């Protein structure tokens, strides 16, 4: 198949990073055309989908009793099949300017260690969303490609992709996965830990959007160079009235200590289990961090201290996976080699 025929074959097709927190869509020739929360707002009485993505997120915490905003994916895999199908259909149409008769081929990134049942759920949801063909690839491999790593060379490349629901760790060589592990700890678990901490230590109830803002603003894996504080608002659990408190970076570091430690331990375990020859490569090259969770302040320092390796943050950590899957749209030979199905 010539390069021209490949380009024509995939001209209207999509690469999708179907994440627990956000879904990104890449169209060949256009780049990333969509980046929205993986959320669906449903009417619980009629079952009608009222909003998807950014519109659904705007409803979180503000919906009437008969409306609920749900996440179709949990821990990186589909938890609500019907909602996932409807969300995918919406994103496909939106990516193609809402053209109804588009039946694209889709490349979808999935976490390492995804079971056959979980793969089938993703495939079925995509096909029901009118995809003509679906290719599944491991997210860390796509992230490495999107981050610019030479994955086809006979040397080790290590990537740690920190998403909303999972952290994927993989060591790659010759366009293959030598070692991979997925731990179901990511940004969402950190958000939940912050919600729980504020509730237990301050008697204040906050929403997940507020917790995410706290994490992004003053959250860190190690002590910051300069202490930071943030004022947040929520509902007092005793009086039921709105209340403001001030949180410190030290408190938030304590709140997310456990999930951060789990990620660090998983990386150390990966390094202990790979062949010695690849370990020698990594001692010089180090590893690269991708995904939204990689932007946690001082996480690179924490990992470097724990492993003794140089740590690099990808130039575009949030879009590394979708950029990698997007590159596969124009490299069918590579896609067939790395496809899980």
C-alpha atoms as a PDB file:
ATOM      1  CA  UNK A   1       0.000   0.000   0.000  1.00  0.00           C
ATOM      2  CA  UNK A   2       1.468   3.351  -1.045  1.00  0.00           C
ATOM      3  CA  UNK A   3       1.747   6.374   1.200  1.00  0.00           C
ATOM      4  CA  UNK A   4      -0.826   8.143  -0.944  1.00  0.00           C
ATOM      5  CA  UNK A   5      -3.362   5.325  -0.639  1.00  0.00           C
ATOM      6  CA  UNK A   6      -2.777   5.157   3.113  1.00  0.00           C
ATOM      7  CA  UNK A   7      -3.410   8.899   3.413  1.00  0.00           C
ATOM      8  CA  UNK A   8      -6.595   8.546   1.409  1.00  0.00           C
ATOM      9  CA  UNK A   9      -7.669   5.522   3.443  1.00  0.00           C
ATOM     10  CA  UNK A  10      -7.398   7.416   6.733  1.00  0.00           C
ATOM     11  CA  UNK A  11      -8.353  10.888   5.464  1.00  0.00           C
ATOM     12  CA  UNK A  12     -11.506  11.127   7.591  1.00  0.00           C
ATOM     13  CA  UNK A  13     -10.421   8.784  10.343  1.00  0.00           C
ATOM     14  CA  UNK A  14      -9.703   9.438  13.984  1.00  0.00           C
ATOM     15  CA  UNK A  15      -7.235   8.731  16.740  1.00  0.00           C
ATOM     16  CA  UNK A  16      -8.770   8.781  20.203  1.00  0.00           C
ATOM     17  CA  UNK A  17      -7.298   8.998  23.689  1.00  0.00           C
ATOM     18  CA  UNK A  18     -10.309   7.663  25.563  1.00  0.00           C
ATOM     19  CA  UNK A  19      -9.388   8.755  29.063  1.00  0.00           C
ATOM     20  CA  UNK A  20     -11.097   8.477  32.419  1.00  0.00           C
ATOM     21  CA  UNK A  21     -10.937  12.243  32.928  1.00  0.00           C
ATOM     22  CA  UNK A  22     -10.724  13.633  29.373  1.00  0.00           C
ATOM     23  CA  UNK A  23     -11.156  12.410  25.814  1.00  0.00           C
ATOM     24  CA  UNK A  24      -8.977  13.827  23.040  1.00  0.00           C
ATOM     25  CA  UNK A  25      -9.587  13.303  19.321  1.00  0.00           C
ATOM     26  CA  UNK A  26      -7.027  13.704  16.533  1.00  0.00           C
ATOM     27  CA  UNK A  27      -7.928  14.013  12.848  1.00  0.00           C
ATOM     28  CA  UNK A  28      -5.197  13.427  10.288  1.00  0.00           C
ATOM     29  CA  UNK A  29      -4.203  16.660   8.584  1.00  0.00           C
ATOM     30  CA  UNK A  30      -5.882  18.734  11.283  1.00  0.00           C
ATOM     31  CA  UNK A  31      -4.287  17.562  14.520  1.00  0.00           C
ATOM     32  CA  UNK A  32      -6.194  17.598  17.816  1.00  0.00           C
ATOM     33  CA  UNK A  33      -9.736  18.794  17.135  1.00  0.00           C
ATOM     34  CA  UNK A  34     -11.371  17.924  20.454  1.00  0.00           C
ATOM     35  CA  UNK A  35     -10.349  17.872  24.120  1.00  0.00           C
ATOM     36  CA  UNK A  36     -13.298  17.524  26.476  1.00  0.00           C
ATOM     37  CA  UNK A  37     -14.123  15.887  29.812  1.00  0.00           C
ATOM     38  CA  UNK A  38     -15.248  12.247  29.605  1.00  0.00           C
ATOM     39  CA  UNK A  39     -18.655  13.036  31.057  1.00  0.00           C
ATOM     40  CA  UNK A  40     -22.280  12.421  30.107  1.00  0.00           C
ATOM     41  CA  UNK A  41     -25.296  14.192  31.651  1.00  0.00           C
ATOM     42  CA  UNK A  42     -28.370  11.943  31.763  1.00  0.00           C
ATOM     43  CA  UNK A  43     -32.010  12.425  32.640  1.00  0.00           C
ATOM     44  CA  UNK A  44     -32.563   9.549  35.062  1.00  0.00           C
ATOM     45  CA  UNK A  45     -36.300   9.454  34.375  1.00  0.00           C
ATOM     46  CA  UNK A  46     -36.228   9.317  30.574  1.00  0.00           C
ATOM     47  CA  UNK A  47     -32.677   8.051  29.983  1.00  0.00           C
ATOM     48  CA  UNK A  48     -32.127  10.954  27.574  1.00  0.00           C
ATOM     49  CA  UNK A  49     -28.595  12.291  27.091  1.00  0.00           C
ATOM     50  CA  UNK A  50     -28.779  16.010  27.801  1.00  0.00           C
ATOM     51  CA  UNK A  51     -25.130  16.952  27.423  1.00  0.00           C
ATOM     52  CA  UNK A  52     -21.709  15.457  26.775  1.00  0.00           C
ATOM     53  CA  UNK A  53     -18.183  16.636  27.498  1.00  0.00           C
ATOM     54  CA  UNK A  54     -17.662  20.253  28.492  1.00  0.00           C
ATOM     55  CA  UNK A  55     -21.399  20.936  28.614  1.00  0.00           C
ATOM     56  CA  UNK A  56     -21.903  18.004  30.971  1.00  0.00           C
ATOM     57  CA  UNK A  57     -19.038  19.129  33.221  1.00  0.00           C
ATOM     58  CA  UNK A  58     -20.679  22.524  33.595  1.00  0.00           C
ATOM     59  CA  UNK A  59     -23.662  20.694  35.117  1.00  0.00           C
ATOM     60  CA  UNK A  60     -21.652  18.793  37.758  1.00  0.00           C
ATOM     61  CA  UNK A  61     -22.858  19.763  41.222  1.00  0.00           C
ATOM     62  CA  UNK A  62     -25.542  21.979  39.736  1.00  0.00           C
ATOM     63  CA  UNK A  63     -28.012  19.463  38.332  1.00  0.00           C
ATOM     64  CA  UNK A  64     -31.635  18.937  39.477  1.00  0.00           C
ATOM     65  CA  UNK A  65     -32.494  15.654  41.136  1.00  0.00           C
ATOM     66  CA  UNK A  66     -33.544  13.971  37.895  1.00  0.00           C
ATOM     67  CA  UNK A  67     -30.230  14.827  36.177  1.00  0.00           C
ATOM     68  CA  UNK A  68     -26.945  13.076  36.828  1.00  0.00           C
ATOM     69  CA  UNK A  69     -23.488  13.637  35.375  1.00  0.00           C
ATOM     70  CA  UNK A  70     -21.648  10.323  35.040  1.00  0.00           C
ATOM     71  CA  UNK A  71     -18.208   9.183  33.886  1.00  0.00           C
ATOM     72  CA  UNK A  72     -18.546   6.296  31.394  1.00  0.00           C
ATOM     73  CA  UNK A  73     -14.979   5.194  32.190  1.00  0.00           C
ATOM     74  CA  UNK A  74     -13.573   4.214  35.549  1.00  0.00           C
ATOM     75  CA  UNK A  75      -9.915   3.345  36.152  1.00  0.00           C
ATOM     76  CA  UNK A  76      -9.218   3.671  32.434  1.00  0.00           C
ATOM     77  CA  UNK A  77     -11.839   1.151  31.290  1.00  0.00           C
ATOM     78  CA  UNK A  78     -15.505   1.338  30.338  1.00  0.00           C
ATOM     79  CA  UNK A  79     -17.776   1.136  33.356  1.00  0.00           C
ATOM     80  CA  UNK A  80     -21.034   2.261  31.693  1.00  0.00           C
ATOM     81  CA  UNK A  81     -21.327   0.749  28.230  1.00  0.00           C
ATOM     82  CA  UNK A  82     -24.365   2.711  27.043  1.00  0.00           C
ATOM     83  CA  UNK A  83     -22.999   6.061  28.204  1.00  0.00           C
ATOM     84  CA  UNK A  84     -19.597   5.323  26.616  1.00  0.00           C
ATOM     85  CA  UNK A  85     -21.252   4.526  23.283  1.00  0.00           C
ATOM     86  CA  UNK A  86     -23.274   7.722  23.328  1.00  0.00           C
ATOM     87  CA  UNK A  87     -20.259   9.772  24.332  1.00  0.00           C
ATOM     88  CA  UNK A  88     -18.138   8.305  21.538  1.00  0.00           C
ATOM     89  CA  UNK A  89     -20.900   8.911  18.995  1.00  0.00           C
ATOM     90  CA  UNK A  90     -21.149  12.539  20.071  1.00  0.00           C
ATOM     91  CA  UNK A  91     -17.390  13.105  19.911  1.00  0.00           C
ATOM     92  CA  UNK A  92     -17.125  11.429  16.480  1.00  0.00           C
ATOM     93  CA  UNK A  93     -19.873  13.629  15.040  1.00  0.00           C
ATOM     94  CA  UNK A  94     -18.461  16.756  16.659  1.00  0.00           C
ATOM     95  CA  UNK A  95     -14.984  15.995  15.325  1.00  0.00           C
ATOM     96  CA  UNK A  96     -16.453  15.814  11.818  1.00  0.00           C
ATOM     97  CA  UNK A  97     -18.625  18.920  12.213  1.00  0.00           C
ATOM     98  CA  UNK A  98     -21.632  16.782  13.101  1.00  0.00           C
ATOM     99  CA  UNK A  99     -21.830  14.988   9.740  1.00  0.00           C
ATOM    100  CA  UNK A 100     -24.171  12.027  10.328  1.00  0.00           C
ATOM    101  CA  UNK A 101     -22.908   9.654   7.609  1.00  0.00           C
ATOM    102  CA  UNK A 102     -19.276   9.528   8.719  1.00  0.00           C
ATOM    103  CA  UNK A 103     -18.031   6.004   9.516  1.00  0.00           C
ATOM    104  CA  UNK A 104     -14.356   6.496  10.318  1.00  0.00           C
ATOM    105  CA  UNK A 105     -11.674   4.039  11.208  1.00  0.00           C
ATOM    106  CA  UNK A 106     -10.558   4.736  14.765  1.00  0.00           C
ATOM    107  CA  UNK A 107      -7.305   4.108  16.636  1.00  0.00           C
ATOM    108  CA  UNK A 108      -7.941   4.070  20.395  1.00  0.00           C
ATOM    109  CA  UNK A 109      -5.365   4.052  23.181  1.00  0.00           C
ATOM    110  CA  UNK A 110      -6.140   1.706  26.102  1.00  0.00           C
ATOM    111  CA  UNK A 111      -4.243   1.129  29.377  1.00  0.00           C
ATOM    112  CA  UNK A 112      -1.594  -1.578  29.650  1.00  0.00           C
ATOM    113  CA  UNK A 113      -2.989  -4.738  31.174  1.00  0.00           C
ATOM    114  CA  UNK A 114      -6.486  -4.172  29.765  1.00  0.00           C
ATOM    115  CA  UNK A 115      -8.332  -7.507  29.904  1.00  0.00           C
ATOM    116  CA  UNK A 116      -9.965  -9.167  26.902  1.00  0.00           C
ATOM    117  CA  UNK A 117     -13.385  -8.325  28.318  1.00  0.00           C
ATOM    118  CA  UNK A 118     -12.394  -4.678  28.700  1.00  0.00           C
ATOM    119  CA  UNK A 119     -10.968  -4.587  25.158  1.00  0.00           C
ATOM    120  CA  UNK A 120     -14.214  -6.037  23.820  1.00  0.00           C
ATOM    121  CA  UNK A 121     -16.195  -3.341  25.634  1.00  0.00           C
ATOM    122  CA  UNK A 122     -14.129  -0.600  23.943  1.00  0.00           C
ATOM    123  CA  UNK A 123     -14.404  -2.281  20.530  1.00  0.00           C
ATOM    124  CA  UNK A 124     -18.160  -2.793  20.837  1.00  0.00           C
ATOM    125  CA  UNK A 125     -18.744   0.784  22.001  1.00  0.00           C
ATOM    126  CA  UNK A 126     -16.724   2.166  19.073  1.00  0.00           C
ATOM    127  CA  UNK A 127     -18.473  -0.041  16.517  1.00  0.00           C
ATOM    128  CA  UNK A 128     -21.894   0.898  17.894  1.00  0.00           C
ATOM    129  CA  UNK A 129     -20.786   4.521  17.586  1.00  0.00           C
ATOM    130  CA  UNK A 130     -20.599   3.821  13.795  1.00  0.00           C
ATOM    131  CA  UNK A 131     -16.861   3.240  13.446  1.00  0.00           C
ATOM    132  CA  UNK A 132     -16.102   1.115  10.386  1.00  0.00           C
ATOM    133  CA  UNK A 133     -12.945  -0.390  11.928  1.00  0.00           C
ATOM    134  CA  UNK A 134     -11.260  -0.059  15.312  1.00  0.00           C
ATOM    135  CA  UNK A 135      -7.610  -0.554  16.284  1.00  0.00           C
ATOM    136  CA  UNK A 136      -6.540  -0.717  19.924  1.00  0.00           C
ATOM    137  CA  UNK A 137      -3.017   0.273  20.987  1.00  0.00           C
ATOM    138  CA  UNK A 138      -1.407   0.466  24.407  1.00  0.00           C
ATOM    139  CA  UNK A 139      -1.428   3.992  25.798  1.00  0.00           C
ATOM    140  CA  UNK A 140       2.194   4.044  27.009  1.00  0.00           C
ATOM    141  CA  UNK A 141       3.451   2.991  23.568  1.00  0.00           C
ATOM    142  CA  UNK A 142       1.338   5.710  21.940  1.00  0.00           C
ATOM    143  CA  UNK A 143       2.508   8.199  24.573  1.00  0.00           C
ATOM    144  CA  UNK A 144       6.151   7.369  23.872  1.00  0.00           C
ATOM    145  CA  UNK A 145       5.626   7.871  20.137  1.00  0.00           C
ATOM    146  CA  UNK A 146       3.748  11.119  20.750  1.00  0.00           C
ATOM    147  CA  UNK A 147       6.512  12.342  23.037  1.00  0.00           C
ATOM    148  CA  UNK A 148       9.070  11.827  20.291  1.00  0.00           C
ATOM    149  CA  UNK A 149      10.859   8.734  21.639  1.00  0.00           C
ATOM    150  CA  UNK A 150      12.549   6.480  19.028  1.00  0.00           C
ATOM    151  CA  UNK A 151      10.406   3.455  19.867  1.00  0.00           C
ATOM    152  CA  UNK A 152      11.491   1.436  16.797  1.00  0.00           C
ATOM    153  CA  UNK A 153      15.191   1.411  17.744  1.00  0.00           C
ATOM    154  CA  UNK A 154      16.820  -1.569  19.531  1.00  0.00           C
ATOM    155  CA  UNK A 155      17.366   0.408  22.730  1.00  0.00           C
ATOM    156  CA  UNK A 156      15.218   0.812  25.801  1.00  0.00           C
ATOM    157  CA  UNK A 157      12.723   3.649  26.157  1.00  0.00           C
ATOM    158  CA  UNK A 158      10.683   3.994  29.317  1.00  0.00           C
ATOM    159  CA  UNK A 159       7.492   5.988  29.627  1.00  0.00           C
ATOM    160  CA  UNK A 160       5.247   6.652  32.622  1.00  0.00           C
ATOM    161  CA  UNK A 161       1.812   7.851  31.512  1.00  0.00           C
ATOM    162  CA  UNK A 162      -0.183   9.316  34.398  1.00  0.00           C
ATOM    163  CA  UNK A 163      -3.847   9.599  33.470  1.00  0.00           C
ATOM    164  CA  UNK A 164      -7.002  10.316  35.384  1.00  0.00           C
ATOM    165  CA  UNK A 165      -7.814   6.702  36.224  1.00  0.00           C
ATOM    166  CA  UNK A 166      -4.569   4.803  35.705  1.00  0.00           C
ATOM    167  CA  UNK A 167      -0.810   5.145  35.636  1.00  0.00           C
ATOM    168  CA  UNK A 168       0.714   3.123  32.799  1.00  0.00           C
ATOM    169  CA  UNK A 169       4.381   2.186  32.964  1.00  0.00           C
ATOM    170  CA  UNK A 170       6.123   0.599  30.009  1.00  0.00           C
ATOM    171  CA  UNK A 171       9.613  -0.206  28.772  1.00  0.00           C
ATOM    172  CA  UNK A 172       9.747  -0.291  24.970  1.00  0.00           C
ATOM    173  CA  UNK A 173      12.231  -1.563  22.420  1.00  0.00           C
ATOM    174  CA  UNK A 174      11.934  -2.330  18.672  1.00  0.00           C
ATOM    175  CA  UNK A 175       8.370  -0.949  18.597  1.00  0.00           C
ATOM    176  CA  UNK A 176       7.324  -3.548  21.150  1.00  0.00           C
ATOM    177  CA  UNK A 177       6.503  -3.594  24.843  1.00  0.00           C
ATOM    178  CA  UNK A 178       9.203  -5.384  26.859  1.00  0.00           C
ATOM    179  CA  UNK A 179       7.520  -4.715  30.194  1.00  0.00           C
ATOM    180  CA  UNK A 180       4.278  -3.018  31.093  1.00  0.00           C
ATOM    181  CA  UNK A 181       2.237  -2.470  34.184  1.00  0.00           C
ATOM    182  CA  UNK A 182      -0.884  -0.484  34.876  1.00  0.00           C
ATOM    183  CA  UNK A 183      -1.818   0.638  38.384  1.00  0.00           C
ATOM    184  CA  UNK A 184      -5.288   1.982  38.884  1.00  0.00           C
ATOM    185  CA  UNK A 185      -4.099   5.124  40.566  1.00  0.00           C
ATOM    186  CA  UNK A 186      -4.128   8.478  38.806  1.00  0.00           C
ATOM    187  CA  UNK A 187      -5.281  12.055  39.031  1.00  0.00           C
ATOM    188  CA  UNK A 188      -8.829  11.143  40.057  1.00  0.00           C
ATOM    189  CA  UNK A 189      -7.604   9.193  43.095  1.00  0.00           C
ATOM    190  CA  UNK A 190      -5.573  12.240  44.139  1.00  0.00           C
ATOM    191  CA  UNK A 191      -8.681  14.422  43.772  1.00  0.00           C
ATOM    192  CA  UNK A 192     -10.679  12.002  45.921  1.00  0.00           C
ATOM    193  CA  UNK A 193      -7.915  12.006  48.538  1.00  0.00           C
ATOM    194  CA  UNK A 194      -8.059  15.806  48.695  1.00  0.00           C
ATOM    195  CA  UNK A 195     -11.853  15.760  49.076  1.00  0.00           C
ATOM    196  CA  UNK A 196     -11.528  13.251  51.922  1.00  0.00           C
ATOM    197  CA  UNK A 197      -8.727  15.210  53.635  1.00  0.00           C
ATOM    198  CA  UNK A 198     -10.630  18.507  53.581  1.00  0.00           C
ATOM    199  CA  UNK A 199     -13.732  16.748  54.890  1.00  0.00           C
ATOM    200  CA  UNK A 200     -11.923  15.007  57.762  1.00  0.00           C
ATOM    201  CA  UNK A 201      -9.570  17.811  58.819  1.00  0.00           C
ATOM    202  CA  UNK A 202     -11.672  20.897  58.123  1.00  0.00           C
ATOM    203  CA  UNK A 203     -15.269  19.654  58.214  1.00  0.00           C
ATOM    204  CA  UNK A 204     -15.782  21.101  54.746  1.00  0.00           C
ATOM    205  CA  UNK A 205     -17.412  19.411  51.778  1.00  0.00           C
ATOM    206  CA  UNK A 206     -15.918  20.302  48.377  1.00  0.00           C
ATOM    207  CA  UNK A 207     -16.595  19.004  44.875  1.00  0.00           C
ATOM    208  CA  UNK A 208     -14.226  17.164  42.546  1.00  0.00           C
ATOM    209  CA  UNK A 209     -13.724  20.268  40.388  1.00  0.00           C
ATOM    210  CA  UNK A 210     -12.525  22.198  43.433  1.00  0.00           C
ATOM    211  CA  UNK A 211     -10.260  19.321  44.470  1.00  0.00           C
ATOM    212  CA  UNK A 212      -8.724  19.232  40.990  1.00  0.00           C
ATOM    213  CA  UNK A 213      -8.068  22.978  41.134  1.00  0.00           C
ATOM    214  CA  UNK A 214      -6.401  22.589  44.546  1.00  0.00           C
ATOM    215  CA  UNK A 215      -4.175  19.786  43.213  1.00  0.00           C
ATOM    216  CA  UNK A 216      -3.135  21.753  40.145  1.00  0.00           C
ATOM    217  CA  UNK A 217      -2.494  24.968  42.080  1.00  0.00           C
ATOM    218  CA  UNK A 218      -0.696  23.895  45.262  1.00  0.00           C
ATOM    219  CA  UNK A 219      -0.372  20.102  44.995  1.00  0.00           C
ATOM    220  CA  UNK A 220       3.149  18.644  44.927  1.00  0.00           C
ATOM    221  CA  UNK A 221       5.053  15.387  45.377  1.00  0.00           C
ATOM    222  CA  UNK A 222       7.841  17.064  47.395  1.00  0.00           C
ATOM    223  CA  UNK A 223       8.217  20.282  49.377  1.00  0.00           C
ATOM    224  CA  UNK A 224       7.954  23.359  47.163  1.00  0.00           C
ATOM    225  CA  UNK A 225      10.774  25.892  46.920  1.00  0.00           C
ATOM    226  CA  UNK A 226       8.362  28.481  48.337  1.00  0.00           C
ATOM    227  CA  UNK A 227       5.319  27.612  50.497  1.00  0.00           C
ATOM    228  CA  UNK A 228       1.929  28.191  48.858  1.00  0.00           C
ATOM    229  CA  UNK A 229      -1.627  28.587  50.124  1.00  0.00           C
ATOM    230  CA  UNK A 230      -5.040  28.636  48.463  1.00  0.00           C
ATOM    231  CA  UNK A 231      -8.446  29.812  49.655  1.00  0.00           C
ATOM    232  CA  UNK A 232     -11.273  27.423  48.835  1.00  0.00           C
ATOM    233  CA  UNK A 233     -15.022  27.464  49.313  1.00  0.00           C
ATOM    234  CA  UNK A 234     -17.339  24.636  50.225  1.00  0.00           C
ATOM    235  CA  UNK A 235     -20.185  23.614  52.531  1.00  0.00           C
ATOM    236  CA  UNK A 236     -19.669  23.355  56.284  1.00  0.00           C
ATOM    237  CA  UNK A 237     -20.683  19.848  57.386  1.00  0.00           C
ATOM    238  CA  UNK A 238     -21.974  21.080  60.765  1.00  0.00           C
ATOM    239  CA  UNK A 239     -23.956  24.201  59.871  1.00  0.00           C
ATOM    240  CA  UNK A 240     -24.676  23.325  56.255  1.00  0.00           C
ATOM    241  CA  UNK A 241     -23.727  26.870  55.268  1.00  0.00           C
ATOM    242  CA  UNK A 242     -21.129  28.041  52.719  1.00  0.00           C
ATOM    243  CA  UNK A 243     -17.681  28.448  54.256  1.00  0.00           C
ATOM    244  CA  UNK A 244     -14.174  29.513  53.197  1.00  0.00           C
ATOM    245  CA  UNK A 245     -10.905  28.012  54.413  1.00  0.00           C
ATOM    246  CA  UNK A 246      -7.236  28.386  53.493  1.00  0.00           C
ATOM    247  CA  UNK A 247      -5.213  25.286  52.616  1.00  0.00           C
ATOM    248  CA  UNK A 248      -1.427  24.969  52.480  1.00  0.00           C
ATOM    249  CA  UNK A 249       0.732  23.009  50.057  1.00  0.00           C
ATOM    250  CA  UNK A 250       1.968  20.953  53.024  1.00  0.00           C
ATOM    251  CA  UNK A 251      -1.570  19.779  53.765  1.00  0.00           C
ATOM    252  CA  UNK A 252      -2.260  18.787  50.169  1.00  0.00           C
ATOM    253  CA  UNK A 253       1.058  16.958  49.966  1.00  0.00           C
ATOM    254  CA  UNK A 254      -0.015  14.947  53.007  1.00  0.00           C
ATOM    255  CA  UNK A 255      -3.437  14.331  51.442  1.00  0.00           C
ATOM    256  CA  UNK A 256      -2.018  12.816  48.234  1.00  0.00           C
ATOM    257  CA  UNK A 257       0.978  11.092  49.818  1.00  0.00           C
ATOM    258  CA  UNK A 258      -0.438   7.576  49.430  1.00  0.00           C
ATOM    259  CA  UNK A 259      -1.304   7.680  45.691  1.00  0.00           C
ATOM    260  CA  UNK A 260       2.012   9.383  44.905  1.00  0.00           C
ATOM    261  CA  UNK A 261       3.896   6.684  46.837  1.00  0.00           C
ATOM    262  CA  UNK A 262       1.998   3.975  44.910  1.00  0.00           C
ATOM    263  CA  UNK A 263       3.124   5.479  41.604  1.00  0.00           C
ATOM    264  CA  UNK A 264       6.739   5.778  42.744  1.00  0.00           C
ATOM    265  CA  UNK A 265       6.757   2.152  43.976  1.00  0.00           C
ATOM    266  CA  UNK A 266       5.296   0.938  40.659  1.00  0.00           C
ATOM    267  CA  UNK A 267       8.092   2.678  38.730  1.00  0.00           C
ATOM    268  CA  UNK A 268      10.752   1.159  41.002  1.00  0.00           C
ATOM    269  CA  UNK A 269       9.202  -2.299  40.536  1.00  0.00           C
ATOM    270  CA  UNK A 270       9.309  -1.899  36.758  1.00  0.00           C
ATOM    271  CA  UNK A 271      12.997  -1.045  36.856  1.00  0.00           C
ATOM    272  CA  UNK A 272      13.713  -4.111  38.982  1.00  0.00           C
ATOM    273  CA  UNK A 273      12.027  -6.482  36.511  1.00  0.00           C
ATOM    274  CA  UNK A 274      13.503  -5.513  33.150  1.00  0.00           C
ATOM    275  CA  UNK A 275      16.538  -7.219  31.518  1.00  0.00           C
ATOM    276  CA  UNK A 276      19.967  -5.874  32.592  1.00  0.00           C
ATOM    277  CA  UNK A 277      20.815  -4.767  29.034  1.00  0.00           C
ATOM    278  CA  UNK A 278      17.817  -2.454  28.967  1.00  0.00           C
ATOM    279  CA  UNK A 279      18.578  -1.191  32.457  1.00  0.00           C
ATOM    280  CA  UNK A 280      21.945  -0.012  31.153  1.00  0.00           C
ATOM    281  CA  UNK A 281      20.190   1.973  28.396  1.00  0.00           C
ATOM    282  CA  UNK A 282      17.829   3.576  30.891  1.00  0.00           C
ATOM    283  CA  UNK A 283      20.635   4.593  33.240  1.00  0.00           C
ATOM    284  CA  UNK A 284      21.722   7.035  30.530  1.00  0.00           C
ATOM    285  CA  UNK A 285      18.425   7.939  28.875  1.00  0.00           C
ATOM    286  CA  UNK A 286      16.167   7.904  31.934  1.00  0.00           C
ATOM    287  CA  UNK A 287      12.417   7.925  31.555  1.00  0.00           C
ATOM    288  CA  UNK A 288       9.804  10.324  30.233  1.00  0.00           C
ATOM    289  CA  UNK A 289       6.609  11.420  31.985  1.00  0.00           C
ATOM    290  CA  UNK A 290       3.378  11.951  30.044  1.00  0.00           C
ATOM    291  CA  UNK A 291      -0.283  12.497  30.921  1.00  0.00           C
ATOM    292  CA  UNK A 292      -2.009  15.161  32.981  1.00  0.00           C
ATOM    293  CA  UNK A 293      -0.801  13.693  36.271  1.00  0.00           C
ATOM    294  CA  UNK A 294       2.805  14.201  35.167  1.00  0.00           C
ATOM    295  CA  UNK A 295       2.283  17.930  35.681  1.00  0.00           C
ATOM    296  CA  UNK A 296       2.082  17.497  39.463  1.00  0.00           C
ATOM    297  CA  UNK A 297       4.750  19.781  40.879  1.00  0.00           C
ATOM    298  CA  UNK A 298       8.022  18.117  41.929  1.00  0.00           C
ATOM    299  CA  UNK A 299       6.924  14.652  40.767  1.00  0.00           C
ATOM    300  CA  UNK A 300       9.941  14.468  38.469  1.00  0.00           C
ATOM    301  CA  UNK A 301      12.240  15.273  41.411  1.00  0.00           C
ATOM    302  CA  UNK A 302      10.551  12.639  43.592  1.00  0.00           C
ATOM    303  CA  UNK A 303      10.954   9.955  40.907  1.00  0.00           C
ATOM    304  CA  UNK A 304      14.556  10.929  40.209  1.00  0.00           C
ATOM    305  CA  UNK A 305      15.414  10.645  43.914  1.00  0.00           C
ATOM    306  CA  UNK A 306      13.715   7.242  44.145  1.00  0.00           C
ATOM    307  CA  UNK A 307      15.244   5.731  40.990  1.00  0.00           C
ATOM    308  CA  UNK A 308      18.504   7.583  40.429  1.00  0.00           C
ATOM    309  CA  UNK A 309      17.484   8.152  36.795  1.00  0.00           C
ATOM    310  CA  UNK A 310      17.131  11.398  34.848  1.00  0.00           C
ATOM    311  CA  UNK A 311      13.431  12.256  34.470  1.00  0.00           C
ATOM    312  CA  UNK A 312      12.028  14.246  31.553  1.00  0.00           C
ATOM    313  CA  UNK A 313       8.566  15.794  31.295  1.00  0.00           C
ATOM    314  CA  UNK A 314       7.135  15.504  27.778  1.00  0.00           C
ATOM    315  CA  UNK A 315       6.706  18.803  25.916  1.00  0.00           C
ATOM    316  CA  UNK A 316       2.948  18.226  25.648  1.00  0.00           C
ATOM    317  CA  UNK A 317       2.167  15.706  28.411  1.00  0.00           C
ATOM    318  CA  UNK A 318      -1.614  16.041  28.119  1.00  0.00           C
ATOM    319  CA  UNK A 319      -1.664  15.212  24.411  1.00  0.00           C
ATOM    320  CA  UNK A 320       1.175  12.683  24.087  1.00  0.00           C
ATOM    321  CA  UNK A 321      -1.145   9.657  23.778  1.00  0.00           C
ATOM    322  CA  UNK A 322      -3.462  11.168  21.178  1.00  0.00           C
ATOM    323  CA  UNK A 323      -0.533  12.564  19.193  1.00  0.00           C
ATOM    324  CA  UNK A 324       1.028   9.100  19.176  1.00  0.00           C
ATOM    325  CA  UNK A 325      -2.162   7.371  18.049  1.00  0.00           C
ATOM    326  CA  UNK A 326      -2.570  10.140  15.474  1.00  0.00           C
ATOM    327  CA  UNK A 327       0.845   9.393  14.004  1.00  0.00           C
ATOM    328  CA  UNK A 328      -0.226   5.791  13.516  1.00  0.00           C
ATOM    329  CA  UNK A 329      -2.972   6.928  11.149  1.00  0.00           C
ATOM    330  CA  UNK A 330      -0.273   7.620   8.562  1.00  0.00           C
ATOM    331  CA  UNK A 331       1.914   4.606   9.413  1.00  0.00           C
ATOM    332  CA  UNK A 332      -0.263   1.592   8.740  1.00  0.00           C
ATOM    333  CA  UNK A 333       2.685  -0.818   8.960  1.00  0.00           C
ATOM    334  CA  UNK A 334       3.432   0.309  12.515  1.00  0.00           C
ATOM    335  CA  UNK A 335      -0.258   0.287  13.412  1.00  0.00           C
ATOM    336  CA  UNK A 336      -0.683  -3.335  12.313  1.00  0.00           C
ATOM    337  CA  UNK A 337       2.439  -4.290  14.277  1.00  0.00           C
ATOM    338  CA  UNK A 338       1.372  -2.726  17.585  1.00  0.00           C
ATOM    339  CA  UNK A 339      -2.410  -3.188  17.396  1.00  0.00           C
ATOM    340  CA  UNK A 340      -3.788  -5.301  20.243  1.00  0.00           C
ATOM    341  CA  UNK A 341      -6.616  -6.674  18.090  1.00  0.00           C
END
